[in-house]
Every structure is written in C-alpha cells, then in structure tokens.
Amino acid sequence: MKNALIENIEKVHTTEMGAIRIKKNLCLGDIDVVVWCRERILDNNARIERNGKNWYVMIDDSVITVNASSYTIITAHKEKK
C-alpha cells in the first residue's frame, strides 16, 4: 500500500538533536539514524499510520514518529507494551 511517507522517503531527515535522541532511545550506537529509519519505514513488516500532523511507523519493537509536512523524524523509541 502506497502512502505519502513512502512516496517521499528521500525527504525523510532529522536534526542533530533528533539523531542524538534516537540513538539514545534505541541504543543504536554510531550509525546513520536517517538511513536506519528509512530502512525501517520501507520494510514490508512496518505498520504505518497517520494521526494528526505525524506519521507513526511501528516495526519490530520500535515506533518512529515523523512529521507529516516536513518529513522530519521527531523521535523513535521502544514500543511500550
């Protein structure tokens, strides 16, 4: 199923502070968080929902939050169960 987030995947980005927050929340270490998030968004197992001004991508045990108008990755964290 196509949606605006997938169609504009090349626009997905984050800020320096956002990258630090995502690495800390997910214990990712020294990787490119934008590449990591884009790969998760494009994964066939990802569940993508839009709620208000944000996209929420649920994949494995993580939730990635992306602003729907700017395509900025706001945060990513472990899913609360």
Protein backbone atom coordinates (compact mmCIF):
# COMPACT_ATOMS: atom_id res chain seq x y z
CA MET A 1 0.00 0.00 0.00
CA LYS A 2 1.48 3.32 -1.08
CA ASN A 3 1.28 6.38 1.11
CA ALA A 4 2.78 9.87 1.17
CA LEU A 5 5.52 8.89 3.62
CA ILE A 6 6.83 6.08 1.41
CA GLU A 7 6.42 8.17 -1.75
CA ASN A 8 8.57 10.92 -0.17
CA ILE A 9 11.12 8.69 1.59
CA GLU A 10 14.01 10.72 0.15
CA LYS A 11 12.74 13.76 2.09
CA VAL A 12 12.88 11.98 5.46
CA HIS A 13 15.55 13.61 7.63
CA THR A 14 16.22 14.62 11.22
CA THR A 15 18.01 17.28 13.18
CA GLU A 16 21.30 16.81 15.02
CA MET A 17 19.43 16.74 18.34
CA GLY A 18 16.90 14.31 16.89
CA ALA A 19 19.67 11.93 15.82
CA ILE A 20 21.18 12.03 19.32
CA ARG A 21 17.75 11.37 20.90
CA ILE A 22 17.01 8.44 18.56
CA LYS A 23 20.42 6.83 19.13
CA LYS A 24 19.94 7.12 22.89
CA ASN A 25 16.34 5.85 22.90
CA LEU A 26 17.12 2.80 20.73
CA CYS A 27 20.73 2.16 21.83
CA LEU A 28 21.87 2.32 18.19
CA GLY A 29 25.49 3.33 18.66
CA ASP A 30 27.39 5.08 15.88
CA ILE A 31 25.17 4.66 12.81
CA ASP A 32 23.32 6.97 10.43
CA VAL A 33 19.88 7.15 12.05
CA VAL A 34 18.22 8.57 8.93
CA VAL A 35 19.32 5.56 6.87
CA TRP A 36 18.27 3.24 9.72
CA CYS A 37 14.82 4.87 9.97
CA ARG A 38 14.28 4.93 6.19
CA GLU A 39 15.06 1.21 6.00
CA ARG A 40 12.53 0.50 8.78
CA ILE A 41 9.87 2.67 7.10
CA LEU A 42 10.32 0.78 3.81
CA ASP A 43 10.27 -2.65 5.49
CA ASN A 44 7.30 -4.76 4.36
CA ASN A 45 6.50 -5.57 8.00
CA ALA A 46 6.21 -1.90 9.01
CA ARG A 47 2.77 -0.69 10.06
CA ILE A 48 2.37 2.96 9.08
CA GLU A 49 -0.41 5.18 10.42
CA ARG A 50 -1.06 8.88 10.18
CA ASN A 51 -2.55 10.54 13.22
CA GLY A 52 -2.94 14.31 13.00
CA LYS A 53 0.29 16.01 11.97
CA ASN A 54 2.51 12.93 12.38
CA TRP A 55 3.21 9.57 10.80
CA TYR A 56 3.81 6.68 13.21
CA VAL A 57 5.80 3.71 11.97
CA MET A 58 5.63 0.56 14.11
CA ILE A 59 8.25 -2.04 13.26
CA ASP A 60 9.61 -4.83 15.44
CA ASP A 61 9.57 -3.26 18.91
CA SER A 62 10.16 0.33 17.78
CA VAL A 63 7.96 3.33 16.98
CA ILE A 64 9.29 6.04 14.66
CA THR A 65 7.49 9.41 14.66
CA VAL A 66 7.78 11.55 11.51
CA ASN A 67 6.25 14.99 10.97
CA ALA A 68 3.83 14.67 8.04
CA SER A 69 4.50 18.07 6.47
CA SER A 70 8.28 18.43 6.87
CA TYR A 71 9.21 14.69 6.88
CA THR A 72 11.41 15.33 9.93
CA ILE A 73 11.97 12.30 12.15
CA ILE A 74 10.92 13.68 15.51
CA THR A 75 11.80 10.68 17.63
CA ALA A 76 11.98 6.92 17.76
CA HIS A 77 11.64 4.76 20.82
CA LYS A 78 10.93 1.26 22.03
CA GLU A 79 7.24 0.41 21.88
CA LYS A 80 5.54 0.48 25.27
CA LYS A 81 3.72 -2.76 25.96
